[in-house]
Full PDB file with SEQRES, HELIX, SHEET, SSBOND, CRYST1, ORIGX, SCALE, CONECT and MASTER records, all heavy atoms in Angstrom:
SEQRES   1 A   31  ILE ASN THR VAL ALA ALA GLU VAL ALA ASN GLU VAL GLY          
SEQRES   2 A   31  PRO ALA ARG VAL ALA ASP VAL ALA ARG ARG LEU GLY ILE          
SEQRES   3 A   31  ALA ASN MET PRO GLU                                          
HELIX    1 AA1 ASN A    2  VAL A   12  1                                  11    
HELIX    2 AA2 PRO A   14  LEU A   24  1                                  11    
CRYST1    1.000    1.000    1.000  90.00  90.00  90.00 P 1           1          
ORIGX1      1.000000  0.000000  0.000000        0.00000                         
ORIGX2      0.000000  1.000000  0.000000        0.00000                         
ORIGX3      0.000000  0.000000  1.000000        0.00000                         
SCALE1      1.000000  0.000000  0.000000        0.00000                         
SCALE2      0.000000  1.000000  0.000000        0.00000                         
SCALE3      0.000000  0.000000  1.000000        0.00000                         
ATOM      1  N   ILE A   1       2.679  -7.042  -7.594  1.00  0.00           N  
ATOM      2  CA  ILE A   1       3.843  -7.673  -6.976  1.00  0.00           C  
ATOM      3  C   ILE A   1       4.532  -6.660  -6.070  1.00  0.00           C  
ATOM      4  O   ILE A   1       5.009  -5.615  -6.529  1.00  0.00           O  
ATOM      5  CB  ILE A   1       4.809  -8.195  -8.060  1.00  0.00           C  
ATOM      6  CG1 ILE A   1       4.094  -9.253  -8.933  1.00  0.00           C  
ATOM      7  CG2 ILE A   1       6.066  -8.781  -7.436  1.00  0.00           C  
ATOM      8  CD1 ILE A   1       4.904  -9.731 -10.111  1.00  0.00           C  
ATOM      9  N   ASN A   2       4.611  -6.955  -4.800  1.00  0.00           N  
ATOM     10  CA  ASN A   2       5.127  -6.008  -3.815  1.00  0.00           C  
ATOM     11  C   ASN A   2       6.623  -5.752  -3.960  1.00  0.00           C  
ATOM     12  O   ASN A   2       7.083  -4.614  -3.818  1.00  0.00           O  
ATOM     13  CB  ASN A   2       4.833  -6.506  -2.398  1.00  0.00           C  
ATOM     14  CG  ASN A   2       3.359  -6.433  -2.048  1.00  0.00           C  
ATOM     15  OD1 ASN A   2       2.591  -5.723  -2.698  1.00  0.00           O  
ATOM     16  ND2 ASN A   2       2.952  -7.179  -1.040  1.00  0.00           N  
ATOM     17  N   THR A   3       7.392  -6.809  -4.201  1.00  0.00           N  
ATOM     18  CA  THR A   3       8.849  -6.646  -4.229  1.00  0.00           C  
ATOM     19  C   THR A   3       9.285  -5.703  -5.337  1.00  0.00           C  
ATOM     20  O   THR A   3      10.178  -4.871  -5.147  1.00  0.00           O  
ATOM     21  CB  THR A   3       9.526  -8.006  -4.406  1.00  0.00           C  
ATOM     22  OG1 THR A   3       9.045  -8.627  -5.610  1.00  0.00           O  
ATOM     23  CG2 THR A   3       9.234  -8.924  -3.217  1.00  0.00           C  
ATOM     24  N   VAL A   4       8.658  -5.813  -6.500  1.00  0.00           N  
ATOM     25  CA  VAL A   4       9.029  -4.959  -7.620  1.00  0.00           C  
ATOM     26  C   VAL A   4       8.625  -3.514  -7.338  1.00  0.00           C  
ATOM     27  O   VAL A   4       9.379  -2.575  -7.629  1.00  0.00           O  
ATOM     28  CB  VAL A   4       8.398  -5.468  -8.927  1.00  0.00           C  
ATOM     29  CG1 VAL A   4       8.705  -4.514 -10.077  1.00  0.00           C  
ATOM     30  CG2 VAL A   4       8.899  -6.866  -9.252  1.00  0.00           C  
ATOM     31  N   ALA A   5       7.428  -3.296  -6.760  1.00  0.00           N  
ATOM     32  CA  ALA A   5       7.000  -1.933  -6.418  1.00  0.00           C  
ATOM     33  C   ALA A   5       7.961  -1.299  -5.427  1.00  0.00           C  
ATOM     34  O   ALA A   5       8.329  -0.121  -5.549  1.00  0.00           O  
ATOM     35  CB  ALA A   5       5.586  -1.961  -5.849  1.00  0.00           C  
ATOM     36  N   ALA A   6       8.416  -2.079  -4.422  1.00  0.00           N  
ATOM     37  CA  ALA A   6       9.369  -1.554  -3.450  1.00  0.00           C  
ATOM     38  C   ALA A   6      10.700  -1.229  -4.114  1.00  0.00           C  
ATOM     39  O   ALA A   6      11.324  -0.197  -3.814  1.00  0.00           O  
ATOM     40  CB  ALA A   6       9.562  -2.566  -2.324  1.00  0.00           C  
ATOM     41  N   GLU A   7      11.124  -2.096  -5.028  1.00  0.00           N  
ATOM     42  CA  GLU A   7      12.385  -1.870  -5.734  1.00  0.00           C  
ATOM     43  C   GLU A   7      12.313  -0.614  -6.596  1.00  0.00           C  
ATOM     44  O   GLU A   7      13.239   0.208  -6.611  1.00  0.00           O  
ATOM     45  CB  GLU A   7      12.719  -3.086  -6.600  1.00  0.00           C  
ATOM     46  CG  GLU A   7      14.012  -2.962  -7.379  1.00  0.00           C  
ATOM     47  CD  GLU A   7      14.258  -4.161  -8.282  1.00  0.00           C  
ATOM     48  OE1 GLU A   7      13.479  -5.134  -8.208  1.00  0.00           O  
ATOM     49  OE2 GLU A   7      15.220  -4.109  -9.079  1.00  0.00           O  
ATOM     50  N   VAL A   8      11.206  -0.439  -7.305  1.00  0.00           N  
ATOM     51  CA  VAL A   8      11.044   0.729  -8.177  1.00  0.00           C  
ATOM     52  C   VAL A   8      10.970   2.007  -7.344  1.00  0.00           C  
ATOM     53  O   VAL A   8      11.580   3.030  -7.697  1.00  0.00           O  
ATOM     54  CB  VAL A   8       9.787   0.566  -9.059  1.00  0.00           C  
ATOM     55  CG1 VAL A   8       9.469   1.865  -9.789  1.00  0.00           C  
ATOM     56  CG2 VAL A   8       9.968  -0.567 -10.049  1.00  0.00           C  
ATOM     57  N   ALA A   9      10.244   1.983  -6.236  1.00  0.00           N  
ATOM     58  CA  ALA A   9      10.144   3.161  -5.374  1.00  0.00           C  
ATOM     59  C   ALA A   9      11.503   3.543  -4.817  1.00  0.00           C  
ATOM     60  O   ALA A   9      11.847   4.728  -4.726  1.00  0.00           O  
ATOM     61  CB  ALA A   9       9.163   2.902  -4.240  1.00  0.00           C  
ATOM     62  N   ASN A  10      12.267   2.551  -4.437  1.00  0.00           N  
ATOM     63  CA  ASN A  10      13.612   2.818  -3.935  1.00  0.00           C  
ATOM     64  C   ASN A  10      14.507   3.377  -5.032  1.00  0.00           C  
ATOM     65  O   ASN A  10      15.370   4.224  -4.778  1.00  0.00           O  
ATOM     66  CB  ASN A  10      14.202   1.533  -3.364  1.00  0.00           C  
ATOM     67  CG  ASN A  10      15.514   1.769  -2.658  1.00  0.00           C  
ATOM     68  OD1 ASN A  10      15.597   2.552  -1.717  1.00  0.00           O  
ATOM     69  ND2 ASN A  10      16.573   1.090  -3.113  1.00  0.00           N  
ATOM     70  N   GLU A  11      14.268   2.922  -6.259  1.00  0.00           N  
ATOM     71  CA  GLU A  11      15.078   3.372  -7.390  1.00  0.00           C  
ATOM     72  C   GLU A  11      14.819   4.846  -7.714  1.00  0.00           C  
ATOM     73  O   GLU A  11      15.759   5.608  -7.971  1.00  0.00           O  
ATOM     74  CB  GLU A  11      14.774   2.489  -8.601  1.00  0.00           C  
ATOM     75  CG  GLU A  11      15.614   2.780  -9.830  1.00  0.00           C  
ATOM     76  CD  GLU A  11      15.316   1.799 -10.959  1.00  0.00           C  
ATOM     77  OE1 GLU A  11      14.769   0.705 -10.688  1.00  0.00           O  
ATOM     78  OE2 GLU A  11      15.631   2.122 -12.122  1.00  0.00           O  
ATOM     79  N   VAL A  12      13.546   5.274  -7.730  1.00  0.00           N  
ATOM     80  CA  VAL A  12      13.236   6.668  -8.074  1.00  0.00           C  
ATOM     81  C   VAL A  12      13.251   7.575  -6.847  1.00  0.00           C  
ATOM     82  O   VAL A  12      13.294   8.802  -6.989  1.00  0.00           O  
ATOM     83  CB  VAL A  12      11.856   6.766  -8.775  1.00  0.00           C  
ATOM     84  CG1 VAL A  12      11.827   5.917 -10.034  1.00  0.00           C  
ATOM     85  CG2 VAL A  12      10.719   6.368  -7.833  1.00  0.00           C  
ATOM     86  N   GLY A  13      13.182   6.967  -5.660  1.00  0.00           N  
ATOM     87  CA  GLY A  13      13.207   7.732  -4.424  1.00  0.00           C  
ATOM     88  C   GLY A  13      11.831   7.874  -3.797  1.00  0.00           C  
ATOM     89  O   GLY A  13      10.902   8.367  -4.457  1.00  0.00           O  
ATOM     90  N   PRO A  14      11.647   7.451  -2.545  1.00  0.00           N  
ATOM     91  CA  PRO A  14      10.341   7.573  -1.873  1.00  0.00           C  
ATOM     92  C   PRO A  14       9.822   9.003  -1.833  1.00  0.00           C  
ATOM     93  O   PRO A  14       8.607   9.228  -1.895  1.00  0.00           O  
ATOM     94  CB  PRO A  14      10.627   7.039  -0.463  1.00  0.00           C  
ATOM     95  CG  PRO A  14      11.806   6.141  -0.619  1.00  0.00           C  
ATOM     96  CD  PRO A  14      12.637   6.754  -1.694  1.00  0.00           C  
ATOM     97  N   ALA A  15      10.736   9.977  -1.739  1.00  0.00           N  
ATOM     98  CA  ALA A  15      10.289  11.372  -1.693  1.00  0.00           C  
ATOM     99  C   ALA A  15       9.594  11.763  -2.991  1.00  0.00           C  
ATOM    100  O   ALA A  15       8.623  12.541  -2.979  1.00  0.00           O  
ATOM    101  CB  ALA A  15      11.478  12.290  -1.427  1.00  0.00           C  
ATOM    102  N   ARG A  16      10.080  11.238  -4.111  1.00  0.00           N  
ATOM    103  CA  ARG A  16       9.453  11.554  -5.396  1.00  0.00           C  
ATOM    104  C   ARG A  16       8.070  10.909  -5.489  1.00  0.00           C  
ATOM    105  O   ARG A  16       7.135  11.497  -6.039  1.00  0.00           O  
ATOM    106  CB  ARG A  16      10.333  11.073  -6.544  1.00  0.00           C  
ATOM    107  CG  ARG A  16       9.790  11.445  -7.896  1.00  0.00           C  
ATOM    108  CD  ARG A  16      10.846  11.432  -8.962  1.00  0.00           C  
ATOM    109  NE  ARG A  16      10.375  12.059 -10.179  1.00  0.00           N  
ATOM    110  CZ  ARG A  16      11.176  12.438 -11.174  1.00  0.00           C  
ATOM    111  NH1 ARG A  16      12.483  12.272 -11.079  1.00  0.00           N  
ATOM    112  NH2 ARG A  16      10.671  13.003 -12.261  1.00  0.00           N  
ATOM    113  N   VAL A  17       7.941   9.719  -4.936  1.00  0.00           N  
ATOM    114  CA  VAL A  17       6.630   9.062  -4.902  1.00  0.00           C  
ATOM    115  C   VAL A  17       5.647   9.900  -4.084  1.00  0.00           C  
ATOM    116  O   VAL A  17       4.502  10.127  -4.493  1.00  0.00           O  
ATOM    117  CB  VAL A  17       6.755   7.645  -4.315  1.00  0.00           C  
ATOM    118  CG1 VAL A  17       5.367   7.015  -4.147  1.00  0.00           C  
ATOM    119  CG2 VAL A  17       7.633   6.765  -5.196  1.00  0.00           C  
ATOM    120  N   ALA A  18       6.096  10.367  -2.921  1.00  0.00           N  
ATOM    121  CA  ALA A  18       5.231  11.202  -2.070  1.00  0.00           C  
ATOM    122  C   ALA A  18       4.850  12.486  -2.786  1.00  0.00           C  
ATOM    123  O   ALA A  18       3.715  12.968  -2.659  1.00  0.00           O  
ATOM    124  CB  ALA A  18       5.934  11.512  -0.750  1.00  0.00           C  
ATOM    125  N   ASP A  19       5.783  13.053  -3.553  1.00  0.00           N  
ATOM    126  CA  ASP A  19       5.504  14.290  -4.280  1.00  0.00           C  
ATOM    127  C   ASP A  19       4.419  14.079  -5.331  1.00  0.00           C  
ATOM    128  O   ASP A  19       3.523  14.913  -5.493  1.00  0.00           O  
ATOM    129  CB  ASP A  19       6.781  14.807  -4.939  1.00  0.00           C  
ATOM    130  CG  ASP A  19       6.529  16.055  -5.763  1.00  0.00           C  
ATOM    131  OD1 ASP A  19       6.238  17.109  -5.171  1.00  0.00           O  
ATOM    132  OD2 ASP A  19       6.596  15.968  -7.016  1.00  0.00           O  
ATOM    133  N   VAL A  20       4.480  12.960  -6.049  1.00  0.00           N  
ATOM    134  CA  VAL A  20       3.452  12.664  -7.050  1.00  0.00           C  
ATOM    135  C   VAL A  20       2.087  12.524  -6.377  1.00  0.00           C  
ATOM    136  O   VAL A  20       1.085  13.088  -6.837  1.00  0.00           O  
ATOM    137  CB  VAL A  20       3.808  11.378  -7.826  1.00  0.00           C  
ATOM    138  CG1 VAL A  20       2.618  10.914  -8.670  1.00  0.00           C  
ATOM    139  CG2 VAL A  20       5.018  11.604  -8.708  1.00  0.00           C  
ATOM    140  N   ALA A  21       2.036  11.781  -5.278  1.00  0.00           N  
ATOM    141  CA  ALA A  21       0.762  11.586  -4.573  1.00  0.00           C  
ATOM    142  C   ALA A  21       0.205  12.914  -4.084  1.00  0.00           C  
ATOM    143  O   ALA A  21      -0.993  13.185  -4.225  1.00  0.00           O  
ATOM    144  CB  ALA A  21       0.969  10.625  -3.405  1.00  0.00           C  
ATOM    145  N   ARG A  22       1.074  13.758  -3.528  1.00  0.00           N  
ATOM    146  CA  ARG A  22       0.636  15.060  -3.031  1.00  0.00           C  
ATOM    147  C   ARG A  22       0.111  15.925  -4.169  1.00  0.00           C  
ATOM    148  O   ARG A  22      -0.906  16.605  -4.034  1.00  0.00           O  
ATOM    149  CB  ARG A  22       1.809  15.755  -2.332  1.00  0.00           C  
ATOM    150  CG  ARG A  22       1.433  17.020  -1.579  1.00  0.00           C  
ATOM    151  CD  ARG A  22       2.663  17.733  -1.028  1.00  0.00           C  
ATOM    152  NE  ARG A  22       3.501  16.870  -0.220  1.00  0.00           N  
ATOM    153  CZ  ARG A  22       4.701  16.426  -0.603  1.00  0.00           C  
ATOM    154  NH1 ARG A  22       5.198  16.770  -1.792  1.00  0.00           N  
ATOM    155  NH2 ARG A  22       5.405  15.648   0.180  1.00  0.00           N  
ATOM    156  N   ARG A  23       0.810  15.891  -5.293  1.00  0.00           N  
ATOM    157  CA  ARG A  23       0.425  16.709  -6.442  1.00  0.00           C  
ATOM    158  C   ARG A  23      -0.935  16.294  -6.990  1.00  0.00           C  
ATOM    159  O   ARG A  23      -1.716  17.119  -7.460  1.00  0.00           O  
ATOM    160  CB  ARG A  23       1.489  16.549  -7.531  1.00  0.00           C  
ATOM    161  CG  ARG A  23       1.459  17.634  -8.590  1.00  0.00           C  
ATOM    162  CD  ARG A  23       2.391  17.341  -9.752  1.00  0.00           C  
ATOM    163  NE  ARG A  23       3.542  16.534  -9.412  1.00  0.00           N  
ATOM    164  CZ  ARG A  23       4.047  15.608 -10.233  1.00  0.00           C  
ATOM    165  NH1 ARG A  23       3.500  15.401 -11.408  1.00  0.00           N  
ATOM    166  NH2 ARG A  23       5.105  14.915  -9.869  1.00  0.00           N  
ATOM    167  N   LEU A  24      -1.243  15.009  -6.911  1.00  0.00           N  
ATOM    168  CA  LEU A  24      -2.511  14.507  -7.460  1.00  0.00           C  
ATOM    169  C   LEU A  24      -3.666  14.605  -6.472  1.00  0.00           C  
ATOM    170  O   LEU A  24      -4.806  14.320  -6.840  1.00  0.00           O  
ATOM    171  CB  LEU A  24      -2.345  13.062  -7.935  1.00  0.00           C  
ATOM    172  CG  LEU A  24      -1.933  12.893  -9.407  1.00  0.00           C  
ATOM    173  CD1 LEU A  24      -0.594  13.542  -9.678  1.00  0.00           C  
ATOM    174  CD2 LEU A  24      -1.884  11.417  -9.779  1.00  0.00           C  
ATOM    175  N   GLY A  25      -3.390  15.000  -5.217  1.00  0.00           N  
ATOM    176  CA  GLY A  25      -4.499  15.246  -4.294  1.00  0.00           C  
ATOM    177  C   GLY A  25      -4.482  14.465  -3.004  1.00  0.00           C  
ATOM    178  O   GLY A  25      -5.442  14.557  -2.226  1.00  0.00           O  
ATOM    179  N   ILE A  26      -3.433  13.691  -2.717  1.00  0.00           N  
ATOM    180  CA  ILE A  26      -3.354  12.958  -1.456  1.00  0.00           C  
ATOM    181  C   ILE A  26      -2.794  13.915  -0.399  1.00  0.00           C  
ATOM    182  O   ILE A  26      -1.625  14.301  -0.449  1.00  0.00           O  
ATOM    183  CB  ILE A  26      -2.459  11.711  -1.581  1.00  0.00           C  
ATOM    184  CG1 ILE A  26      -2.934  10.838  -2.750  1.00  0.00           C  
ATOM    185  CG2 ILE A  26      -2.479  10.921  -0.281  1.00  0.00           C  
ATOM    186  CD1 ILE A  26      -4.349  10.333  -2.624  1.00  0.00           C  
ATOM    187  N   ALA A  27      -3.635  14.272   0.555  1.00  0.00           N  
ATOM    188  CA  ALA A  27      -3.282  15.348   1.487  1.00  0.00           C  
ATOM    189  C   ALA A  27      -2.326  14.902   2.583  1.00  0.00           C  
ATOM    190  O   ALA A  27      -1.470  15.675   3.016  1.00  0.00           O  
ATOM    191  CB  ALA A  27      -4.558  15.917   2.111  1.00  0.00           C  
ATOM    192  N   ASN A  28      -2.440  13.683   3.043  1.00  0.00           N  
ATOM    193  CA  ASN A  28      -1.713  13.267   4.242  1.00  0.00           C  
ATOM    194  C   ASN A  28      -0.327  12.708   3.907  1.00  0.00           C  
ATOM    195  O   ASN A  28       0.048  11.628   4.350  1.00  0.00           O  
ATOM    196  CB  ASN A  28      -2.531  12.213   5.001  1.00  0.00           C  
ATOM    197  CG  ASN A  28      -2.030  12.012   6.412  1.00  0.00           C  
ATOM    198  OD1 ASN A  28      -1.577  12.949   7.036  1.00  0.00           O  
ATOM    199  ND2 ASN A  28      -2.112  10.791   6.907  1.00  0.00           N  
ATOM    200  N   MET A  29       0.438  13.456   3.135  1.00  0.00           N  
ATOM    201  CA  MET A  29       1.783  13.027   2.753  1.00  0.00           C  
ATOM    202  C   MET A  29       2.823  13.745   3.604  1.00  0.00           C  
ATOM    203  O   MET A  29       2.565  14.849   4.095  1.00  0.00           O  
ATOM    204  CB  MET A  29       2.031  13.331   1.278  1.00  0.00           C  
ATOM    205  CG  MET A  29       1.303  12.413   0.306  1.00  0.00           C  
ATOM    206  SD  MET A  29       1.946  10.724   0.318  1.00  0.00           S  
ATOM    207  CE  MET A  29       0.692   9.870   1.287  1.00  0.00           C  
ATOM    208  N   PRO A  30       4.018  13.146   3.792  1.00  0.00           N  
ATOM    209  CA  PRO A  30       5.086  13.854   4.516  1.00  0.00           C  
ATOM    210  C   PRO A  30       5.422  15.169   3.832  1.00  0.00           C  
ATOM    211  O   PRO A  30       5.301  15.312   2.614  1.00  0.00           O  
ATOM    212  CB  PRO A  30       6.257  12.863   4.452  1.00  0.00           C  
ATOM    213  CG  PRO A  30       5.638  11.528   4.216  1.00  0.00           C  
ATOM    214  CD  PRO A  30       4.428  11.783   3.382  1.00  0.00           C  
ATOM    215  N   GLU A  31       5.826  16.132   4.642  1.00  0.00           N  
ATOM    216  CA  GLU A  31       6.220  17.426   4.095  1.00  0.00           C  
ATOM    217  C   GLU A  31       7.439  17.268   3.192  1.00  0.00           C  
ATOM    218  O   GLU A  31       8.220  16.320   3.319  1.00  0.00           O  
ATOM    219  CB  GLU A  31       6.547  18.400   5.237  1.00  0.00           C  
ATOM    220  CG  GLU A  31       5.362  18.726   6.136  1.00  0.00           C  
ATOM    221  CD  GLU A  31       4.293  19.531   5.410  1.00  0.00           C  
ATOM    222  OE1 GLU A  31       4.652  20.269   4.461  1.00  0.00           O  
ATOM    223  OE2 GLU A  31       3.119  19.428   5.788  1.00  0.00           O  
TER     224      GLU A  31                                                      
MASTER        0    0    0    2    0    0    0    6  223    1    0    3          
END                                                                             
């Protein structure tokens, strides 16, 4: 469900989501 994922990401902060992805190996994340 897209709306809930967007709501949760906004709740914890998009920067934190990017940090998790970067930490697990996703290279093309914002600095």
